C-alpha cells in the first residue's frame, strides 16, 4: 500500500528524520580506530531517547540493536557488537531509524575510519553522489525506474556494481511501506511518483561483484567477493519540480569538516 501524506504529516516525518540526522552526527564525533560498533549503538540510543524519540530499528522483526553498523565488505544490517572494533582504514555504514509522533525517520551514511584507501574513498563518493542523482529524478510525474536508472547508470559507468536484493522503500507510519525503490531500473518504468509520497532512497554500491551472501546471524549481508560496499540513504517527500529531502547530511559534514566526502 502506498500512502500519500498531508503537509502536516510530512512535517512530522521531517522531525523524526532530523533526529536521525543529528544522531548520525553524534556518531561522526566518535568514529575512530579502537571504537567498537557497540559504542556507536549506545551513543545512538541515548541521543534518540534524550530527544523524545524511540529507536526505530530496535526490536523491528526481532532486530536486537538501535542502529545497523556494516563494516567494509558488509553491505547492510550489520549488528553492533563489542567484538567489532573499528580499525584504521575501515569504512562503516551506519543506518539509523527514529520513531516519533507516529512517524519514522530513516537515513544512512558511510564513514571513513582513519586513513582509508583512496580507491575505497572514491567508491564512497560515487555512492553518495548517486543518491543525489536519484533524488533529482524523484519528482511528481516521473517514475521509480527513472530514479533507479539514474543511480545505476552513474555507478556502473564508474565501474561499480549495484546491489539488487536490498532496495529502498516507502517510509511513514511504518518503517517500510510501499513502494519498493530499487537502485536500478529503466527510464519510464515503474510506479508513477505523486506529490505526498514519502520514500527512502538508499543506494548500496559494491567495489566488485553485486552478489551478496548472508551471515548466520540472519541479518548481516556481505559482498560475495569480500570487496568493499558503500551505503547512503535519505528519506524524501515527492513534490512538483524538486524533491524535499527530509533527512540531512549537513550535521555530519559540520562534524567531519575537511574530512567530509
C-alpha atoms as a PDB file:
ATOM      1  CA  UNK A   1       0.000   0.000   0.000  1.00  0.00           C
ATOM      2  CA  UNK A   2       1.284   3.470  -0.934  1.00  0.00           C
ATOM      3  CA  UNK A   3       0.124   6.194   1.451  1.00  0.00           C
ATOM      4  CA  UNK A   4       0.106   9.829   0.343  1.00  0.00           C
ATOM      5  CA  UNK A   5       0.958  12.151   3.226  1.00  0.00           C
ATOM      6  CA  UNK A   6      -0.515  15.531   4.072  1.00  0.00           C
ATOM      7  CA  UNK A   7       1.784  18.528   4.540  1.00  0.00           C
ATOM      8  CA  UNK A   8       1.298  18.188   8.307  1.00  0.00           C
ATOM      9  CA  UNK A   9       2.320  14.524   8.217  1.00  0.00           C
ATOM     10  CA  UNK A  10       5.381  15.357   6.126  1.00  0.00           C
ATOM     11  CA  UNK A  11       6.466  17.867   8.765  1.00  0.00           C
ATOM     12  CA  UNK A  12       6.182  15.143  11.428  1.00  0.00           C
ATOM     13  CA  UNK A  13       8.311  12.899   9.202  1.00  0.00           C
ATOM     14  CA  UNK A  14      10.841  15.718   8.965  1.00  0.00           C
ATOM     15  CA  UNK A  15      11.087  15.921  12.764  1.00  0.00           C
ATOM     16  CA  UNK A  16      11.901  12.208  13.001  1.00  0.00           C
ATOM     17  CA  UNK A  17      14.388  12.439  10.138  1.00  0.00           C
ATOM     18  CA  UNK A  18      16.155  15.437  11.633  1.00  0.00           C
ATOM     19  CA  UNK A  19      16.700  13.467  14.851  1.00  0.00           C
ATOM     20  CA  UNK A  20      18.194  10.695  12.706  1.00  0.00           C
ATOM     21  CA  UNK A  21      20.467  13.248  11.025  1.00  0.00           C
ATOM     22  CA  UNK A  22      21.677  14.633  14.347  1.00  0.00           C
ATOM     23  CA  UNK A  23      22.143  11.128  15.765  1.00  0.00           C
ATOM     24  CA  UNK A  24      24.436  10.279  12.847  1.00  0.00           C
ATOM     25  CA  UNK A  25      26.369  13.476  13.579  1.00  0.00           C
ATOM     26  CA  UNK A  26      26.831  12.387  17.210  1.00  0.00           C
ATOM     27  CA  UNK A  27      28.228   9.106  15.891  1.00  0.00           C
ATOM     28  CA  UNK A  28      30.506  11.008  13.494  1.00  0.00           C
ATOM     29  CA  UNK A  29      32.110  12.694  16.520  1.00  0.00           C
ATOM     30  CA  UNK A  30      33.403   9.402  17.946  1.00  0.00           C
ATOM     31  CA  UNK A  31      34.218   7.209  14.938  1.00  0.00           C
ATOM     32  CA  UNK A  32      37.931   6.412  15.067  1.00  0.00           C
ATOM     33  CA  UNK A  33      40.204   3.376  15.353  1.00  0.00           C
ATOM     34  CA  UNK A  34      39.648   1.483  18.606  1.00  0.00           C
ATOM     35  CA  UNK A  35      35.943   2.264  18.977  1.00  0.00           C
ATOM     36  CA  UNK A  36      33.528  -0.680  18.958  1.00  0.00           C
ATOM     37  CA  UNK A  37      30.324  -0.675  16.953  1.00  0.00           C
ATOM     38  CA  UNK A  38      28.510  -1.365  20.249  1.00  0.00           C
ATOM     39  CA  UNK A  39      29.843   2.009  21.466  1.00  0.00           C
ATOM     40  CA  UNK A  40      28.193   3.663  18.452  1.00  0.00           C
ATOM     41  CA  UNK A  41      24.905   1.910  19.180  1.00  0.00           C
ATOM     42  CA  UNK A  42      24.910   3.098  22.800  1.00  0.00           C
ATOM     43  CA  UNK A  43      25.516   6.712  21.750  1.00  0.00           C
ATOM     44  CA  UNK A  44      22.729   6.494  19.173  1.00  0.00           C
ATOM     45  CA  UNK A  45      20.117   5.058  21.519  1.00  0.00           C
ATOM     46  CA  UNK A  46      20.875   7.598  24.252  1.00  0.00           C
ATOM     47  CA  UNK A  47      20.706  10.545  21.843  1.00  0.00           C
ATOM     48  CA  UNK A  48      17.456   9.346  20.244  1.00  0.00           C
ATOM     49  CA  UNK A  49      15.732   8.848  23.600  1.00  0.00           C
ATOM     50  CA  UNK A  50      17.082  12.136  25.012  1.00  0.00           C
ATOM     51  CA  UNK A  51      15.381  13.879  22.089  1.00  0.00           C
ATOM     52  CA  UNK A  52      11.984  12.283  22.602  1.00  0.00           C
ATOM     53  CA  UNK A  53      12.288   9.545  20.003  1.00  0.00           C
ATOM     54  CA  UNK A  54      12.356   5.776  20.046  1.00  0.00           C
ATOM     55  CA  UNK A  55      14.959   3.795  18.073  1.00  0.00           C
ATOM     56  CA  UNK A  56      13.006   2.697  15.011  1.00  0.00           C
ATOM     57  CA  UNK A  57      15.111  -0.408  14.370  1.00  0.00           C
ATOM     58  CA  UNK A  58      15.210  -1.799  17.927  1.00  0.00           C
ATOM     59  CA  UNK A  59      13.008  -4.890  18.001  1.00  0.00           C
ATOM     60  CA  UNK A  60      11.920  -4.476  14.367  1.00  0.00           C
ATOM     61  CA  UNK A  61      11.263  -8.056  13.208  1.00  0.00           C
ATOM     62  CA  UNK A  62      13.455  -9.039  16.158  1.00  0.00           C
ATOM     63  CA  UNK A  63      16.445  -6.846  15.287  1.00  0.00           C
ATOM     64  CA  UNK A  64      18.446  -6.528  18.529  1.00  0.00           C
ATOM     65  CA  UNK A  65      20.031  -3.057  18.299  1.00  0.00           C
ATOM     66  CA  UNK A  66      19.210   0.607  17.612  1.00  0.00           C
ATOM     67  CA  UNK A  67      21.390   1.085  14.531  1.00  0.00           C
ATOM     68  CA  UNK A  68      22.953  -1.072  11.827  1.00  0.00           C
ATOM     69  CA  UNK A  69      26.746  -0.902  11.522  1.00  0.00           C
ATOM     70  CA  UNK A  70      28.135  -2.543   8.389  1.00  0.00           C
ATOM     71  CA  UNK A  71      31.936  -2.657   8.137  1.00  0.00           C
ATOM     72  CA  UNK A  72      33.988  -2.982   4.915  1.00  0.00           C
ATOM     73  CA  UNK A  73      32.511  -5.893   2.905  1.00  0.00           C
ATOM     74  CA  UNK A  74      29.280  -5.854   4.922  1.00  0.00           C
ATOM     75  CA  UNK A  75      26.565  -4.298   2.763  1.00  0.00           C
ATOM     76  CA  UNK A  76      23.743  -3.639   5.250  1.00  0.00           C
ATOM     77  CA  UNK A  77      22.198  -4.828   8.530  1.00  0.00           C
ATOM     78  CA  UNK A  78      25.450  -5.435  10.399  1.00  0.00           C
ATOM     79  CA  UNK A  79      24.701  -5.848  14.111  1.00  0.00           C
ATOM     80  CA  UNK A  80      26.672  -3.646  16.549  1.00  0.00           C
ATOM     81  CA  UNK A  81      28.949  -5.674  18.821  1.00  0.00           C
ATOM     82  CA  UNK A  82      31.618  -5.219  21.484  1.00  0.00           C
ATOM     83  CA  UNK A  83      33.673  -7.671  19.414  1.00  0.00           C
ATOM     84  CA  UNK A  84      33.720  -5.442  16.316  1.00  0.00           C
ATOM     85  CA  UNK A  85      36.483  -2.883  16.897  1.00  0.00           C
ATOM     86  CA  UNK A  86      36.966  -0.319  14.145  1.00  0.00           C
ATOM     87  CA  UNK A  87      40.481  -0.213  12.671  1.00  0.00           C
ATOM     88  CA  UNK A  88      42.406   2.383  10.720  1.00  0.00           C
ATOM     89  CA  UNK A  89      41.429   2.060   7.060  1.00  0.00           C
ATOM     90  CA  UNK A  90      37.957   0.621   7.715  1.00  0.00           C
ATOM     91  CA  UNK A  91      34.713   2.014   6.396  1.00  0.00           C
ATOM     92  CA  UNK A  92      31.458   1.669   8.336  1.00  0.00           C
ATOM     93  CA  UNK A  93      27.935   2.275   7.096  1.00  0.00           C
ATOM     94  CA  UNK A  94      25.669   3.478   9.905  1.00  0.00           C
ATOM     95  CA  UNK A  95      21.945   3.123   9.210  1.00  0.00           C
ATOM     96  CA  UNK A  96      19.647   4.757  11.765  1.00  0.00           C
ATOM     97  CA  UNK A  97      15.897   4.967  12.316  1.00  0.00           C
ATOM     98  CA  UNK A  98      13.822   7.090  14.702  1.00  0.00           C
ATOM     99  CA  UNK A  99      10.130   6.825  15.575  1.00  0.00           C
ATOM    100  CA  UNK A 100       8.442   9.939  16.960  1.00  0.00           C
ATOM    101  CA  UNK A 101       4.968  11.479  16.740  1.00  0.00           C
ATOM    102  CA  UNK A 102       3.725   8.402  14.905  1.00  0.00           C
ATOM    103  CA  UNK A 103       6.227   8.606  12.034  1.00  0.00           C
ATOM    104  CA  UNK A 104       9.579   7.065  11.158  1.00  0.00           C
ATOM    105  CA  UNK A 105      12.825   8.672  10.046  1.00  0.00           C
ATOM    106  CA  UNK A 106      15.449   6.647   8.185  1.00  0.00           C
ATOM    107  CA  UNK A 107      18.878   7.624   6.871  1.00  0.00           C
ATOM    108  CA  UNK A 108      22.357   6.142   6.440  1.00  0.00           C
ATOM    109  CA  UNK A 109      25.912   7.377   5.909  1.00  0.00           C
ATOM    110  CA  UNK A 110      29.166   5.509   5.286  1.00  0.00           C
ATOM    111  CA  UNK A 111      32.073   6.838   7.342  1.00  0.00           C
ATOM    112  CA  UNK A 112      35.820   6.537   6.896  1.00  0.00           C
ATOM    113  CA  UNK A 113      37.791   5.296   9.904  1.00  0.00           C
ATOM    114  CA  UNK A 114      41.214   6.947   9.982  1.00  0.00           C
ATOM    115  CA  UNK A 115      43.196   6.816   6.749  1.00  0.00           C
ATOM    116  CA  UNK A 116      41.197   4.956   4.070  1.00  0.00           C
ATOM    117  CA  UNK A 117      42.491   3.686   0.718  1.00  0.00           C
ATOM    118  CA  UNK A 118      41.742   6.347  -1.950  1.00  0.00           C
ATOM    119  CA  UNK A 119      40.077   3.728  -4.168  1.00  0.00           C
ATOM    120  CA  UNK A 120      37.578   2.986  -1.412  1.00  0.00           C
ATOM    121  CA  UNK A 121      37.043   6.704  -0.728  1.00  0.00           C
ATOM    122  CA  UNK A 122      36.180   7.041  -4.428  1.00  0.00           C
ATOM    123  CA  UNK A 123      33.537   4.302  -4.017  1.00  0.00           C
ATOM    124  CA  UNK A 124      32.006   6.209  -1.103  1.00  0.00           C
ATOM    125  CA  UNK A 125      31.952   9.491  -3.009  1.00  0.00           C
ATOM    126  CA  UNK A 126      30.354   7.890  -6.067  1.00  0.00           C
ATOM    127  CA  UNK A 127      27.694   6.179  -3.940  1.00  0.00           C
ATOM    128  CA  UNK A 128      26.835   9.421  -2.162  1.00  0.00           C
ATOM    129  CA  UNK A 129      26.723  11.303  -5.474  1.00  0.00           C
ATOM    130  CA  UNK A 130      24.479   8.612  -6.958  1.00  0.00           C
ATOM    131  CA  UNK A 131      21.993   9.127  -4.128  1.00  0.00           C
ATOM    132  CA  UNK A 132      21.565  12.748  -5.171  1.00  0.00           C
ATOM    133  CA  UNK A 133      21.343  11.730  -8.838  1.00  0.00           C
ATOM    134  CA  UNK A 134      18.424   9.518  -7.854  1.00  0.00           C
ATOM    135  CA  UNK A 135      16.822  12.261  -5.767  1.00  0.00           C
ATOM    136  CA  UNK A 136      16.986  14.640  -8.765  1.00  0.00           C
ATOM    137  CA  UNK A 137      14.663  12.245 -10.600  1.00  0.00           C
ATOM    138  CA  UNK A 138      12.259  11.836  -7.673  1.00  0.00           C
ATOM    139  CA  UNK A 139       9.656  14.423  -8.640  1.00  0.00           C
ATOM    140  CA  UNK A 140       5.945  14.328  -9.383  1.00  0.00           C
ATOM    141  CA  UNK A 141       5.166  12.740 -12.736  1.00  0.00           C
ATOM    142  CA  UNK A 142       8.351  10.715 -13.048  1.00  0.00           C
ATOM    143  CA  UNK A 143       8.583   7.001 -12.352  1.00  0.00           C
ATOM    144  CA  UNK A 144      10.621   4.902  -9.956  1.00  0.00           C
ATOM    145  CA  UNK A 145      12.523   3.469 -12.920  1.00  0.00           C
ATOM    146  CA  UNK A 146      13.876   6.974 -13.558  1.00  0.00           C
ATOM    147  CA  UNK A 147      15.268   7.074 -10.011  1.00  0.00           C
ATOM    148  CA  UNK A 148      16.821   3.605 -10.229  1.00  0.00           C
ATOM    149  CA  UNK A 149      18.243   4.214 -13.703  1.00  0.00           C
ATOM    150  CA  UNK A 150      19.951   7.439 -12.560  1.00  0.00           C
ATOM    151  CA  UNK A 151      21.661   5.616  -9.682  1.00  0.00           C
ATOM    152  CA  UNK A 152      22.559   2.522 -11.685  1.00  0.00           C
ATOM    153  CA  UNK A 153      23.974   4.318 -14.711  1.00  0.00           C
ATOM    154  CA  UNK A 154      26.033   6.731 -12.599  1.00  0.00           C
ATOM    155  CA  UNK A 155      27.661   3.911 -10.617  1.00  0.00           C
ATOM    156  CA  UNK A 156      28.096   1.368 -13.391  1.00  0.00           C
ATOM    157  CA  UNK A 157      29.735   3.952 -15.662  1.00  0.00           C
ATOM    158  CA  UNK A 158      32.398   4.258 -12.962  1.00  0.00           C
ATOM    159  CA  UNK A 159      32.982   0.517 -12.738  1.00  0.00           C
ATOM    160  CA  UNK A 160      30.926  -0.311  -9.648  1.00  0.00           C
ATOM    161  CA  UNK A 161      28.031  -2.741  -9.228  1.00  0.00           C
ATOM    162  CA  UNK A 162      24.553  -2.145  -7.829  1.00  0.00           C
ATOM    163  CA  UNK A 163      23.084  -4.450  -5.182  1.00  0.00           C
ATOM    164  CA  UNK A 164      19.744  -5.897  -6.348  1.00  0.00           C
ATOM    165  CA  UNK A 165      18.457  -7.845  -3.335  1.00  0.00           C
ATOM    166  CA  UNK A 166      18.357  -4.827  -0.994  1.00  0.00           C
ATOM    167  CA  UNK A 167      16.367  -1.758  -2.018  1.00  0.00           C
ATOM    168  CA  UNK A 168      14.797   1.445  -0.770  1.00  0.00           C
ATOM    169  CA  UNK A 169      11.179   1.733   0.348  1.00  0.00           C
ATOM    170  CA  UNK A 170       8.290   3.925   1.302  1.00  0.00           C
ATOM    171  CA  UNK A 171       8.508   5.400   4.801  1.00  0.00           C
ATOM    172  CA  UNK A 172       5.840   6.883   7.046  1.00  0.00           C
ATOM    173  CA  UNK A 173       3.753   5.495   9.895  1.00  0.00           C
ATOM    174  CA  UNK A 174       5.561   2.235   9.117  1.00  0.00           C
ATOM    175  CA  UNK A 175       9.328   1.949   8.751  1.00  0.00           C
ATOM    176  CA  UNK A 176       8.850   0.053   5.499  1.00  0.00           C
ATOM    177  CA  UNK A 177       5.847   0.878   3.304  1.00  0.00           C
ATOM    178  CA  UNK A 178       5.122   0.712  -0.398  1.00  0.00           C
ATOM    179  CA  UNK A 179       6.502   1.343  -2.896  1.00  0.00           C
ATOM    180  CA  UNK A 180       9.719  -0.645  -3.238  1.00  0.00           C
ATOM    181  CA  UNK A 181      12.515   1.643  -4.501  1.00  0.00           C
ATOM    182  CA  UNK A 182      15.207  -0.286  -6.432  1.00  0.00           C
ATOM    183  CA  UNK A 183      18.597   1.284  -7.156  1.00  0.00           C
ATOM    184  CA  UNK A 184      18.429   0.030 -10.735  1.00  0.00           C
ATOM    185  CA  UNK A 185      15.804   0.259 -13.465  1.00  0.00           C
ATOM    186  CA  UNK A 186      14.703   1.530 -16.838  1.00  0.00           C
ATOM    187  CA  UNK A 187      13.593   5.066 -17.578  1.00  0.00           C
ATOM    188  CA  UNK A 188       9.841   5.445 -17.822  1.00  0.00           C
ATOM    189  CA  UNK A 189       9.115   2.202 -15.958  1.00  0.00           C
ATOM    190  CA  UNK A 190       7.714   1.549 -12.531  1.00  0.00           C
ATOM    191  CA  UNK A 191       5.338   3.307 -10.165  1.00  0.00           C
ATOM    192  CA  UNK A 192       4.335   6.875 -11.059  1.00  0.00           C
ATOM    193  CA  UNK A 193       5.558   9.347  -8.436  1.00  0.00           C
ATOM    194  CA  UNK A 194       2.941  11.625  -6.890  1.00  0.00           C
ATOM    195  CA  UNK A 195       3.180  14.575  -4.509  1.00  0.00           C
ATOM    196  CA  UNK A 196       2.783  13.376  -0.945  1.00  0.00           C
ATOM    197  CA  UNK A 197       4.593  10.096  -1.454  1.00  0.00           C
ATOM    198  CA  UNK A 198       7.469   9.694   1.020  1.00  0.00           C
ATOM    199  CA  UNK A 199      10.269   7.281   0.187  1.00  0.00           C
ATOM    200  CA  UNK A 200      13.728   6.285   1.385  1.00  0.00           C
ATOM    201  CA  UNK A 201      16.275   6.135  -1.434  1.00  0.00           C
ATOM    202  CA  UNK A 202      19.361   4.151  -0.428  1.00  0.00           C
ATOM    203  CA  UNK A 203      21.950   3.077  -2.977  1.00  0.00           C
ATOM    204  CA  UNK A 204      24.107   0.134  -1.885  1.00  0.00           C
ATOM    205  CA  UNK A 205      27.070   0.014  -4.245  1.00  0.00           C
ATOM    206  CA  UNK A 206      29.874  -2.562  -4.390  1.00  0.00           C
ATOM    207  CA  UNK A 207      33.503  -2.249  -5.442  1.00  0.00           C
ATOM    208  CA  UNK A 208      33.356  -5.705  -7.040  1.00  0.00           C
ATOM    209  CA  UNK A 209      30.515  -8.099  -7.830  1.00  0.00           C
ATOM    210  CA  UNK A 210      26.928  -7.208  -6.959  1.00  0.00           C
ATOM    211  CA  UNK A 211      26.027 -10.612  -5.440  1.00  0.00           C
ATOM    212  CA  UNK A 212      25.631 -10.999  -1.679  1.00  0.00           C
ATOM    213  CA  UNK A 213      25.985 -13.637   0.998  1.00  0.00           C
ATOM    214  CA  UNK A 214      24.028 -13.728   4.251  1.00  0.00           C
ATOM    215  CA  UNK A 215      25.611 -14.361   7.647  1.00  0.00           C
ATOM    216  CA  UNK A 216      24.275 -16.967  10.057  1.00  0.00           C
ATOM    217  CA  UNK A 217      23.008 -14.181  12.358  1.00  0.00           C
ATOM    218  CA  UNK A 218      20.106 -13.784   9.919  1.00  0.00           C
ATOM    219  CA  UNK A 219      20.780 -10.077   9.361  1.00  0.00           C
ATOM    220  CA  UNK A 220      24.262  -9.213   8.115  1.00  0.00           C
ATOM    221  CA  UNK A 221      24.751  -9.205   4.344  1.00  0.00           C
ATOM    222  CA  UNK A 222      28.197  -9.190   2.696  1.00  0.00           C
ATOM    223  CA  UNK A 223      29.641  -8.921  -0.770  1.00  0.00           C
ATOM    224  CA  UNK A 224      30.298 -12.348  -2.232  1.00  0.00           C
ATOM    225  CA  UNK A 225      33.882 -11.408  -3.193  1.00  0.00           C
ATOM    226  CA  UNK A 226      34.679  -9.657   0.154  1.00  0.00           C
ATOM    227  CA  UNK A 227      35.250  -6.314  -1.582  1.00  0.00           C
ATOM    228  CA  UNK A 228      34.066  -3.036  -0.057  1.00  0.00           C
ATOM    229  CA  UNK A 229      30.464  -1.838  -0.176  1.00  0.00           C
ATOM    230  CA  UNK A 230      29.070   1.661   0.469  1.00  0.00           C
ATOM    231  CA  UNK A 231      25.583   2.769   1.538  1.00  0.00           C
ATOM    232  CA  UNK A 232      23.973   6.215   1.720  1.00  0.00           C
ATOM    233  CA  UNK A 233      20.293   6.950   2.367  1.00  0.00           C
ATOM    234  CA  UNK A 234      17.904   9.890   2.534  1.00  0.00           C
ATOM    235  CA  UNK A 235      14.189   9.973   3.259  1.00  0.00           C
ATOM    236  CA  UNK A 236      12.394  12.365   0.908  1.00  0.00           C
ATOM    237  CA  UNK A 237       8.930  13.673   0.039  1.00  0.00           C
ATOM    238  CA  UNK A 238       7.859  13.789  -3.593  1.00  0.00           C
ATOM    239  CA  UNK A 239       6.941  17.289  -4.759  1.00  0.00           C
ATOM    240  CA  UNK A 240       6.472  19.115  -8.035  1.00  0.00           C
ATOM    241  CA  UNK A 241       9.746  20.249  -9.583  1.00  0.00           C
ATOM    242  CA  UNK A 242      12.126  19.178  -6.804  1.00  0.00           C
ATOM    243  CA  UNK A 243      12.147  16.528  -4.085  1.00  0.00           C
ATOM    244  CA  UNK A 244      12.006  17.643  -0.446  1.00  0.00           C
ATOM    245  CA  UNK A 245      14.855  15.926   1.456  1.00  0.00           C
ATOM    246  CA  UNK A 246      13.590  15.268   4.983  1.00  0.00           C
ATOM    247  CA  UNK A 247      16.828  13.863   6.412  1.00  0.00           C
ATOM    248  CA  UNK A 248      20.190  15.661   6.207  1.00  0.00           C
ATOM    249  CA  UNK A 249      23.940  15.088   5.992  1.00  0.00           C
ATOM    250  CA  UNK A 250      24.621  18.724   6.958  1.00  0.00           C
ATOM    251  CA  UNK A 251      25.197  17.959  10.656  1.00  0.00           C
ATOM    252  CA  UNK A 252      27.569  15.091   9.824  1.00  0.00           C
ATOM    253  CA  UNK A 253      29.558  17.278   7.469  1.00  0.00           C
ATOM    254  CA  UNK A 254      29.837  20.022  10.069  1.00  0.00           C
ATOM    255  CA  UNK A 255      31.471  17.453  12.393  1.00  0.00           C
ATOM    256  CA  UNK A 256      33.735  15.979   9.704  1.00  0.00           C
ATOM    257  CA  UNK A 257      34.829  19.355   8.321  1.00  0.00           C
ATOM    258  CA  UNK A 258      37.604  18.987   5.751  1.00  0.00           C
ATOM    259  CA  UNK A 259      37.337  15.181   6.047  1.00  0.00           C
ATOM    260  CA  UNK A 260      33.769  15.153   4.677  1.00  0.00           C
ATOM    261  CA  UNK A 261      33.272  13.295   1.409  1.00  0.00           C
END
